[in-house]
Amino acid sequence: MGQQCLLPRNPPPGPRISVSPRTSDMILENSRVDRLLNTIDVSPVFGYIVDGRLDPGRLKFALEQVFRHFPTLRARMCRNGKQLMIPENHGDMELFSWTVEDHMVPMSSMFKVLPRTDEISVSLFDIAERQNFYIPLKSTVVRRPSVADECSPLMEVRVQLFTDKTVIGLSWNHLLTDGSGMSIILSSWIKALKGDPLPEVASNKDPFKAFYGSNPTPPCAAVIPGITKIFQIGFTMITELIRYGPPQARSIFIPNSVLAQWKSASDRVSTNDLITAWLLKAWASTATRGKVSIITIMDLRKHLPHVVPPTYLRNASSARPSPHTLEVKDINKMSQLEVAEVIRSFVKHFVPEVELNFQSYEERNGITRMAPKAKWIIALSSWSRFNLPQMDFGAKTESFEGGNRRNREYGNVGCVWLEDEGARIIFWMSKRRWNMGVWRSLRRL
């Protein structure tokens, strides 16, 4: 389909003229969360492998229904790369980027799914190569600076047909939405495929602004990132790089049999608490000293239902440092259950009033986000409640995987989701740390 851009993509020689959006175009209001995630410049990549050959035309028609239903999805990025706009005249614009390829060979001849084992296993893999299978980096259209042209779509879909499988790859610009927002889009896509009614459309206005407090207090275990703190963070990252090498992604699989054994020990903690505790102890086994902050990541649609509508499609998540730090030596002495109970206490600390105080304090001090006091951080984002592997496109979903495509990889961060057979973690950690501590006995390279 054709596009109506305000300027041609390849302008003629001569001085460049900065063009502001027309007054008739709707500029979407950015929340604090939108501004934060836009500074990171992330474009997540999701990949589905579905049994059999699906009809691409039917898939596209259903997704078009979703995009026409939610006005926010028709947004384009302004040329400043910081805001979104909904053009007044968007009739001829692409709703999303759509590509179909028919390989005419079995999928196994080109790609292998991540391994599932009957015990905890850690597998080395090239995350960039796997992401390129779903959405090639060289042809992606949702990243800055090229997407900041007021006419390019902010989501792309690539459907690959094999003789035995259908592969659906998705990527989007994080300024548009987050993982929870994408789960709303995906579940709506499934509803459209089944002919079911689509969910209610929520306002695209900043839902947080009306709830900023007038006299916020300094949050626990977090500081304003001044020059000293920025220097400390930079020094830590450089030291880690020199001593242990660059961050490297690996896949960790924990089978249901192990999860059930863990969960039988206590009903006071969640499965995600136990998974995070296991990961924290495994990481701590590679060190002997230092302070660690556990980052609590929350979907604010669920956490602040009186603030954020359940179908709000802009970014609505937060990542907060734990209310107090942990010593590595103490983590190494504690049991997994004891660590999980500490993590559960952190989760309980972040009641809605605490999160809104965080946002109010950041807004009052004019900062993007608070920094943890600790030297190290561990962040594991749970996607389990989104049920991403269980999306039904009309045939059995055999595999799901996802991750963030960043300009720069960071260590000690990852994501986890629950599959039918167990928990899947994608985690980044310094290369040499993967060969230390308990990781040494778990490797399956």
Protein backbone atom coordinates (compact mmCIF):
# COMPACT_ATOMS: atom_id res chain seq x y z
CA MET A 1 0.00 0.00 0.00
CA GLY A 2 1.12 3.53 -0.64
CA GLN A 3 2.24 6.02 2.01
CA GLN A 4 1.61 9.75 2.30
CA CYS A 5 4.70 11.30 3.88
CA LEU A 6 5.14 14.97 4.62
CA LEU A 7 8.62 14.82 3.09
CA PRO A 8 10.04 12.33 0.58
CA ARG A 9 12.28 9.68 2.07
CA ASN A 10 15.16 10.76 -0.20
CA PRO A 11 14.89 14.59 -0.33
CA PRO A 12 16.62 16.47 -3.16
CA PRO A 13 19.99 18.15 -2.55
CA GLY A 14 19.89 21.44 -0.68
CA PRO A 15 19.36 22.70 2.86
CA ARG A 16 17.16 20.47 5.02
CA ILE A 17 14.01 22.07 6.39
CA SER A 18 12.61 20.98 9.73
CA VAL A 19 8.91 20.30 9.34
CA SER A 20 6.64 20.27 12.38
CA PRO A 21 3.55 18.09 12.45
CA ARG A 22 0.47 19.75 11.02
CA THR A 23 -1.81 21.23 13.64
CA SER A 24 -4.56 18.88 12.48
CA ASP A 25 -2.44 15.83 13.40
CA MET A 26 -2.96 14.48 16.92
CA ILE A 27 0.18 14.49 19.09
CA LEU A 28 0.02 11.74 21.71
CA GLU A 29 0.96 12.68 25.25
CA ASN A 30 4.00 10.84 26.62
CA SER A 31 3.90 9.58 30.18
CA ARG A 32 7.03 9.31 32.34
CA VAL A 33 7.22 5.62 31.42
CA ASP A 34 7.10 6.43 27.69
CA ARG A 35 9.91 8.96 28.05
CA LEU A 36 12.06 6.54 30.03
CA LEU A 37 11.75 3.64 27.58
CA ASN A 38 12.29 5.92 24.60
CA THR A 39 15.72 6.94 25.95
CA ILE A 40 16.77 3.26 25.89
CA ASP A 41 15.69 2.88 22.22
CA VAL A 42 14.50 -0.72 22.43
CA SER A 43 12.65 -2.72 19.79
CA PRO A 44 11.46 -6.07 21.22
CA VAL A 45 11.27 -9.16 19.00
CA PHE A 46 8.72 -11.96 19.51
CA GLY A 47 8.72 -15.22 17.59
CA TYR A 48 6.07 -17.95 17.26
CA ILE A 49 6.38 -21.36 15.64
CA VAL A 50 2.96 -22.82 14.80
CA ASP A 51 2.25 -26.35 13.61
CA GLY A 52 1.15 -26.60 9.96
CA ARG A 53 0.68 -23.93 7.29
CA LEU A 54 -1.61 -21.03 8.20
CA ASP A 55 -3.31 -18.69 5.71
CA PRO A 56 -1.30 -15.41 5.69
CA GLY A 57 -4.20 -13.51 4.14
CA ARG A 58 -6.50 -14.50 6.99
CA LEU A 59 -3.85 -13.56 9.57
CA LYS A 60 -3.35 -10.14 7.99
CA PHE A 61 -7.06 -9.38 7.68
CA ALA A 62 -7.60 -10.13 11.39
CA LEU A 63 -4.65 -7.96 12.44
CA GLU A 64 -5.96 -5.10 10.29
CA GLN A 65 -9.21 -5.28 12.27
CA VAL A 66 -7.24 -4.85 15.50
CA PHE A 67 -5.30 -1.83 14.19
CA ARG A 68 -8.47 -0.14 12.99
CA HIS A 69 -10.09 -0.84 16.37
CA PHE A 70 -7.30 0.75 18.46
CA PRO A 71 -6.45 4.28 17.18
CA THR A 72 -3.16 4.32 19.12
CA LEU A 73 -1.76 1.57 16.87
CA ARG A 74 -2.01 3.87 13.86
CA ALA A 75 0.46 6.29 15.46
CA ARG A 76 3.65 7.40 13.75
CA MET A 77 6.86 8.74 15.28
CA CYS A 78 7.52 12.46 15.01
CA ARG A 79 10.77 13.59 13.44
CA ASN A 80 12.14 14.56 16.83
CA GLY A 81 12.15 10.85 17.69
CA LYS A 82 10.52 11.58 21.06
CA GLN A 83 6.78 11.75 20.40
CA LEU A 84 4.04 9.91 18.57
CA MET A 85 1.37 11.42 16.35
CA ILE A 86 -1.77 10.11 14.68
CA PRO A 87 -1.96 11.69 11.20
CA GLU A 88 -5.30 13.21 10.28
CA ASN A 89 -5.14 11.71 6.77
CA HIS A 90 -3.97 8.13 7.21
CA GLY A 91 -6.23 6.39 4.74
CA ASP A 92 -3.45 5.29 2.35
CA MET A 93 -0.82 4.60 5.02
CA GLU A 94 0.26 1.09 5.95
CA LEU A 95 -1.28 -0.05 9.21
CA PHE A 96 1.81 -2.16 9.87
CA SER A 97 4.72 -3.61 7.93
CA TRP A 98 3.82 -7.07 6.58
CA THR A 99 6.10 -9.58 4.87
CA VAL A 100 5.41 -13.17 3.76
CA GLU A 101 8.06 -15.68 2.66
CA ASP A 102 7.44 -19.26 1.50
CA HIS A 103 10.57 -21.38 1.91
CA MET A 104 9.13 -24.67 0.57
CA VAL A 105 11.36 -26.72 2.92
CA PRO A 106 10.89 -28.18 6.42
CA MET A 107 11.61 -25.65 9.15
CA SER A 108 14.14 -27.93 10.82
CA SER A 109 16.44 -27.48 7.81
CA MET A 110 16.83 -23.78 8.68
CA PHE A 111 16.10 -23.32 12.39
CA LYS A 112 16.02 -25.23 15.68
CA VAL A 113 13.78 -24.49 18.66
CA LEU A 114 15.38 -23.89 22.06
CA PRO A 115 15.94 -27.21 23.92
CA ARG A 116 13.59 -28.52 26.59
CA THR A 117 15.18 -30.88 29.11
CA ASP A 118 14.07 -32.98 32.10
CA GLU A 119 16.50 -31.14 34.40
CA ILE A 120 17.73 -27.55 34.73
CA SER A 121 19.92 -26.75 31.76
CA VAL A 122 21.74 -23.71 30.39
CA SER A 123 22.31 -23.39 26.65
CA LEU A 124 24.60 -21.03 24.81
CA PHE A 125 23.00 -19.48 21.74
CA ASP A 126 23.38 -16.49 19.46
CA ILE A 127 20.42 -14.28 20.35
CA ALA A 128 21.09 -11.89 17.47
CA GLU A 129 20.99 -14.79 15.00
CA ARG A 130 17.71 -16.08 16.46
CA GLN A 131 16.13 -12.64 16.39
CA ASN A 132 17.26 -12.26 12.78
CA PHE A 133 15.41 -15.46 11.89
CA TYR A 134 12.15 -13.88 13.03
CA ILE A 135 12.83 -10.22 12.09
CA PRO A 136 16.14 -9.53 10.26
CA LEU A 137 17.98 -6.56 11.72
CA LYS A 138 19.19 -5.40 8.30
CA SER A 139 15.62 -4.95 7.05
CA THR A 140 13.78 -3.96 10.23
CA VAL A 141 11.70 -0.80 9.86
CA VAL A 142 10.75 0.09 13.45
CA ARG A 143 14.04 1.43 14.81
CA ARG A 144 15.30 4.98 15.04
CA PRO A 145 16.38 7.05 13.22
CA SER A 146 14.65 5.78 10.06
CA VAL A 147 11.27 5.28 11.74
CA ALA A 148 11.13 8.92 12.89
CA ASP A 149 9.59 10.18 9.63
CA GLU A 150 5.92 10.62 10.55
CA CYS A 151 4.75 7.96 8.11
CA SER A 152 6.47 4.62 8.87
CA PRO A 153 4.45 2.07 10.91
CA LEU A 154 5.75 1.24 14.37
CA MET A 155 5.06 -2.50 14.20
CA GLU A 156 6.22 -5.12 11.73
CA VAL A 157 5.17 -8.72 11.14
CA ARG A 158 7.04 -11.33 9.13
CA VAL A 159 5.28 -14.61 8.28
CA GLN A 160 7.42 -17.50 7.06
CA LEU A 161 5.80 -20.57 5.58
CA PHE A 162 7.53 -23.94 5.66
CA THR A 163 6.23 -27.28 4.46
CA ASP A 164 5.37 -28.25 8.05
CA LYS A 165 5.32 -25.03 10.11
CA THR A 166 4.31 -21.38 10.11
CA VAL A 167 6.65 -18.88 11.78
CA ILE A 168 5.29 -15.51 12.91
CA GLY A 169 7.84 -12.85 13.85
CA LEU A 170 6.87 -9.51 15.39
CA SER A 171 8.80 -6.41 16.36
CA TRP A 172 7.76 -2.94 17.40
CA ASN A 173 9.18 0.33 18.64
CA HIS A 174 9.02 0.53 22.42
CA LEU A 175 7.75 4.12 22.34
CA LEU A 176 4.47 2.65 21.07
CA THR A 177 3.84 0.01 23.76
CA ASP A 178 5.43 -2.47 26.16
CA GLY A 179 5.24 -6.25 26.54
CA SER A 180 1.92 -6.14 28.37
CA GLY A 181 0.50 -3.84 25.69
CA MET A 182 1.68 -6.28 23.04
CA SER A 183 -0.08 -9.11 24.88
CA ILE A 184 -3.31 -7.05 24.57
CA ILE A 185 -2.65 -6.66 20.83
CA LEU A 186 -1.89 -10.38 20.40
CA SER A 187 -4.93 -11.54 22.36
CA SER A 188 -7.08 -9.12 20.33
CA TRP A 189 -5.57 -10.60 17.15
CA ILE A 190 -6.63 -14.05 18.35
CA LYS A 191 -10.15 -12.75 19.08
CA ALA A 192 -10.38 -11.27 15.59
CA LEU A 193 -9.28 -14.60 14.06
CA LYS A 194 -12.07 -16.33 15.99
CA GLY A 195 -14.66 -13.65 15.20
CA ASP A 196 -15.01 -12.64 18.86
CA PRO A 197 -15.67 -9.03 20.00
CA LEU A 198 -12.56 -6.91 20.57
CA PRO A 199 -11.89 -5.33 23.98
CA GLU A 200 -12.82 -1.79 24.96
CA VAL A 201 -10.62 1.03 23.64
CA ALA A 202 -8.85 2.97 26.41
CA SER A 203 -7.81 6.61 26.30
CA ASN A 204 -4.26 7.30 25.08
CA LYS A 205 -3.75 10.20 27.52
CA ASP A 206 -1.11 10.02 30.25
CA PRO A 207 -2.92 8.23 33.11
CA PHE A 208 -0.28 9.00 35.75
CA LYS A 209 -0.11 12.79 35.67
CA ALA A 210 -3.30 13.35 37.67
CA PHE A 211 -1.94 11.22 40.54
CA TYR A 212 1.41 12.95 41.15
CA GLY A 213 1.73 13.90 44.81
CA SER A 214 2.54 17.44 45.86
CA ASN A 215 5.01 16.47 48.59
CA PRO A 216 6.72 13.15 47.65
CA THR A 217 9.37 11.65 49.93
CA PRO A 218 12.73 10.18 48.85
CA PRO A 219 12.25 6.47 47.98
CA CYS A 220 14.09 3.78 49.93
CA ALA A 221 17.37 2.35 48.56
CA ALA A 222 17.30 4.68 45.53
CA VAL A 223 19.17 7.88 44.76
CA ILE A 224 19.05 10.69 42.25
CA PRO A 225 21.69 9.75 39.64
CA GLY A 226 24.19 12.57 40.20
CA ILE A 227 27.72 12.79 38.89
CA THR A 228 29.15 10.52 41.62
CA LYS A 229 26.56 7.81 41.01
CA ILE A 230 26.95 7.98 37.23
CA PHE A 231 30.72 7.64 37.63
CA GLN A 232 30.24 4.64 39.96
CA ILE A 233 27.92 2.92 37.47
CA GLY A 234 30.36 3.56 34.60
CA PHE A 235 33.34 2.33 36.62
CA THR A 236 31.48 -0.85 37.63
CA MET A 237 30.51 -1.60 34.02
CA ILE A 238 34.07 -1.07 32.75
CA THR A 239 35.56 -3.18 35.54
CA GLU A 240 33.07 -5.98 34.84
CA LEU A 241 33.89 -5.87 31.13
CA ILE A 242 37.64 -6.09 31.73
CA ARG A 243 37.47 -8.85 34.37
CA TYR A 244 34.65 -10.99 33.04
CA GLY A 245 34.07 -10.09 29.41
CA PRO A 246 31.03 -8.67 27.60
CA PRO A 247 27.44 -9.70 28.43
CA GLN A 248 26.34 -12.90 26.74
CA ALA A 249 22.79 -14.23 26.47
CA ARG A 250 21.92 -17.81 27.34
CA SER A 251 18.72 -19.81 27.60
CA ILE A 252 17.88 -21.45 30.91
CA PHE A 253 15.18 -24.11 31.07
CA ILE A 254 13.63 -25.27 34.37
CA PRO A 255 11.24 -28.24 33.88
CA ASN A 256 7.87 -28.49 35.62
CA SER A 257 9.10 -31.35 37.79
CA VAL A 258 11.67 -29.04 39.40
CA LEU A 259 9.21 -26.14 39.69
CA ALA A 260 6.70 -28.41 41.44
CA GLN A 261 9.37 -29.58 43.90
CA TRP A 262 10.31 -25.97 44.69
CA LYS A 263 6.70 -24.88 45.12
CA SER A 264 5.88 -27.76 47.45
CA ALA A 265 8.29 -26.30 50.02
CA SER A 266 6.15 -23.22 50.70
CA ASP A 267 2.88 -21.57 49.72
CA ARG A 268 4.03 -18.15 51.00
CA VAL A 269 5.93 -17.33 47.82
CA SER A 270 5.10 -17.42 44.11
CA THR A 271 6.69 -19.53 41.41
CA ASN A 272 8.30 -16.37 40.04
CA ASP A 273 9.79 -15.59 43.48
CA LEU A 274 11.37 -19.05 43.53
CA ILE A 275 12.72 -18.71 39.99
CA THR A 276 14.20 -15.28 40.75
CA ALA A 277 15.69 -16.61 44.01
CA TRP A 278 17.33 -19.51 42.18
CA LEU A 279 18.74 -17.15 39.54
CA LEU A 280 20.01 -14.72 42.19
CA LYS A 281 21.77 -17.47 44.13
CA ALA A 282 23.30 -18.86 40.93
CA TRP A 283 24.62 -15.39 40.06
CA ALA A 284 25.87 -14.77 43.61
CA SER A 285 27.86 -18.03 43.47
CA THR A 286 30.20 -16.26 41.00
CA ALA A 287 31.13 -13.56 43.55
CA THR A 288 32.22 -13.29 47.18
CA ARG A 289 31.30 -9.74 48.13
CA GLY A 290 29.32 -6.68 47.09
CA LYS A 291 25.80 -5.29 47.47
CA VAL A 292 22.94 -6.18 45.16
CA SER A 293 19.60 -4.52 44.39
CA ILE A 294 16.77 -6.69 43.09
CA ILE A 295 14.74 -4.80 40.51
CA THR A 296 10.99 -5.30 40.93
CA ILE A 297 9.26 -4.99 37.55
CA MET A 298 5.54 -4.34 37.62
CA ASP A 299 2.78 -4.14 35.03
CA LEU A 300 0.98 -1.00 36.20
CA ARG A 301 -2.24 -1.98 34.44
CA LYS A 302 -2.53 -4.70 37.07
CA HIS A 303 -0.77 -2.92 39.91
CA LEU A 304 -2.59 0.43 39.57
CA PRO A 305 -6.02 -0.51 38.19
CA HIS A 306 -7.53 2.72 39.55
CA VAL A 307 -4.97 4.67 37.51
CA VAL A 308 -4.25 2.68 34.34
CA PRO A 309 -7.11 1.22 32.23
CA PRO A 310 -6.73 -2.54 31.60
CA THR A 311 -6.48 -2.04 27.79
CA TYR A 312 -4.18 1.01 27.90
CA LEU A 313 -1.76 0.51 24.99
CA ARG A 314 1.08 2.93 25.72
CA ASN A 315 3.90 1.96 28.09
CA ALA A 316 2.71 1.17 31.63
CA SER A 317 5.41 -0.73 33.48
CA SER A 318 7.95 0.20 36.13
CA ALA A 319 11.27 -1.17 37.36
CA ARG A 320 12.12 -0.26 40.95
CA PRO A 321 15.17 -1.12 43.09
CA SER A 322 14.46 -3.17 46.19
CA PRO A 323 13.78 -1.20 49.40
CA HIS A 324 17.06 -2.46 50.81
CA THR A 325 20.16 -4.07 49.37
CA LEU A 326 21.48 -7.60 49.88
CA GLU A 327 25.05 -8.66 50.57
CA VAL A 328 26.44 -11.32 48.23
CA LYS A 329 27.93 -13.22 51.17
CA ASP A 330 24.50 -13.36 52.83
CA ILE A 331 22.80 -14.58 49.65
CA ASN A 332 25.35 -17.40 49.42
CA LYS A 333 24.50 -18.47 52.99
CA MET A 334 20.72 -18.35 52.59
CA SER A 335 18.55 -21.13 51.21
CA GLN A 336 16.60 -20.64 48.01
CA LEU A 337 13.35 -20.43 50.00
CA GLU A 338 14.80 -17.79 52.34
CA VAL A 339 15.87 -15.68 49.36
CA ALA A 340 12.43 -16.16 47.76
CA GLU A 341 10.77 -14.90 50.95
CA VAL A 342 12.97 -11.80 50.90
CA ILE A 343 12.02 -11.19 47.27
CA ARG A 344 8.32 -11.61 48.19
CA SER A 345 8.77 -8.92 50.87
CA PHE A 346 10.18 -6.60 48.20
CA VAL A 347 7.16 -7.20 45.96
CA LYS A 348 4.79 -6.49 48.87
CA HIS A 349 6.65 -3.26 49.63
CA PHE A 350 5.62 -1.73 46.31
CA VAL A 351 2.02 -0.96 47.12
CA PRO A 352 0.35 1.56 44.75
CA GLU A 353 1.18 4.49 47.05
CA VAL A 354 4.90 3.62 46.92
CA GLU A 355 4.95 3.44 43.11
CA LEU A 356 3.09 6.73 42.73
CA ASN A 357 5.46 8.35 45.24
CA PHE A 358 8.38 7.14 43.08
CA GLN A 359 6.88 8.75 39.99
CA SER A 360 6.01 11.94 41.85
CA TYR A 361 9.52 12.26 43.29
CA GLU A 362 11.11 11.75 39.87
CA GLU A 363 8.76 14.30 38.31
CA ARG A 364 9.39 16.87 41.02
CA ASN A 365 13.18 16.52 40.65
CA GLY A 366 13.11 16.50 36.85
CA ILE A 367 14.88 13.15 36.45
CA THR A 368 14.12 10.21 34.19
CA ARG A 369 14.42 7.58 36.93
CA MET A 370 16.02 6.88 40.28
CA ALA A 371 19.17 4.77 40.49
CA PRO A 372 19.72 1.92 42.98
CA LYS A 373 22.20 2.51 45.79
CA ALA A 374 23.81 -0.89 45.32
CA LYS A 375 26.78 -1.61 43.08
CA TRP A 376 25.05 -4.53 41.33
CA ILE A 377 21.51 -5.05 40.11
CA ILE A 378 19.60 -8.16 39.06
CA ALA A 379 16.50 -7.65 36.92
CA LEU A 380 14.27 -10.51 35.77
CA SER A 381 11.10 -9.42 34.00
CA SER A 382 8.26 -11.95 34.27
CA TRP A 383 6.06 -12.38 31.18
CA SER A 384 4.24 -15.36 32.68
CA ARG A 385 0.91 -13.62 33.31
CA PHE A 386 0.67 -12.56 29.65
CA ASN A 387 0.32 -16.22 28.51
CA LEU A 388 2.38 -15.45 25.40
CA PRO A 389 3.25 -19.11 24.56
CA GLN A 390 -0.44 -20.04 24.73
CA MET A 391 -1.63 -17.70 21.94
CA ASP A 392 -3.80 -19.73 19.50
CA PHE A 393 -3.44 -18.59 15.88
CA GLY A 394 -5.62 -21.46 14.67
CA ALA A 395 -3.18 -24.32 15.21
CA LYS A 396 -0.94 -25.52 18.04
CA THR A 397 1.77 -23.04 19.03
CA GLU A 398 4.85 -25.21 19.42
CA SER A 399 7.33 -22.55 20.48
CA PHE A 400 7.51 -18.95 21.65
CA GLU A 401 10.55 -16.86 22.36
CA GLY A 402 11.11 -13.17 22.90
CA GLY A 403 13.66 -10.60 23.88
CA ASN A 404 14.71 -7.00 23.48
CA ARG A 405 16.83 -5.75 20.60
CA ARG A 406 19.04 -3.03 22.06
CA ASN A 407 21.84 -0.86 20.72
CA ARG A 408 23.90 -2.13 23.64
CA GLU A 409 23.53 -5.23 25.79
CA TYR A 410 23.58 -5.04 29.58
CA GLY A 411 24.53 -7.73 32.05
CA ASN A 412 22.42 -9.27 34.85
CA VAL A 413 19.09 -8.63 33.10
CA GLY A 414 16.64 -11.09 31.59
CA CYS A 415 13.06 -12.23 31.15
CA VAL A 416 11.12 -15.36 32.06
CA TRP A 417 7.91 -16.98 30.86
CA LEU A 418 6.10 -20.25 31.52
CA GLU A 419 5.79 -22.84 28.77
CA ASP A 420 3.71 -26.01 28.95
CA GLU A 421 6.79 -28.02 29.93
CA GLY A 422 8.46 -25.55 32.31
CA ALA A 423 9.96 -22.09 32.73
CA ARG A 424 12.14 -20.44 30.09
CA ILE A 425 14.62 -17.73 31.08
CA ILE A 426 16.65 -15.61 28.69
CA PHE A 427 19.43 -14.00 30.72
CA TRP A 428 22.44 -11.79 29.96
CA MET A 429 25.54 -12.12 32.10
CA SER A 430 29.27 -11.51 31.66
CA LYS A 431 30.86 -14.21 29.53
CA ARG A 432 33.30 -15.58 32.12
CA ARG A 433 30.72 -15.62 34.91
CA TRP A 434 28.79 -18.27 32.96
CA ASN A 435 31.75 -20.60 33.64
CA MET A 436 31.89 -19.91 37.40
CA GLY A 437 29.97 -21.07 40.47
CA VAL A 438 26.97 -23.34 40.02
CA TRP A 439 26.71 -22.42 36.34
CA ARG A 440 29.68 -24.69 35.61
CA SER A 441 27.68 -27.81 36.47
CA LEU A 442 24.57 -26.68 34.54
CA ARG A 443 26.12 -25.91 31.17
CA ARG A 444 24.85 -27.63 28.03
CA LEU A 445 26.84 -25.87 25.33
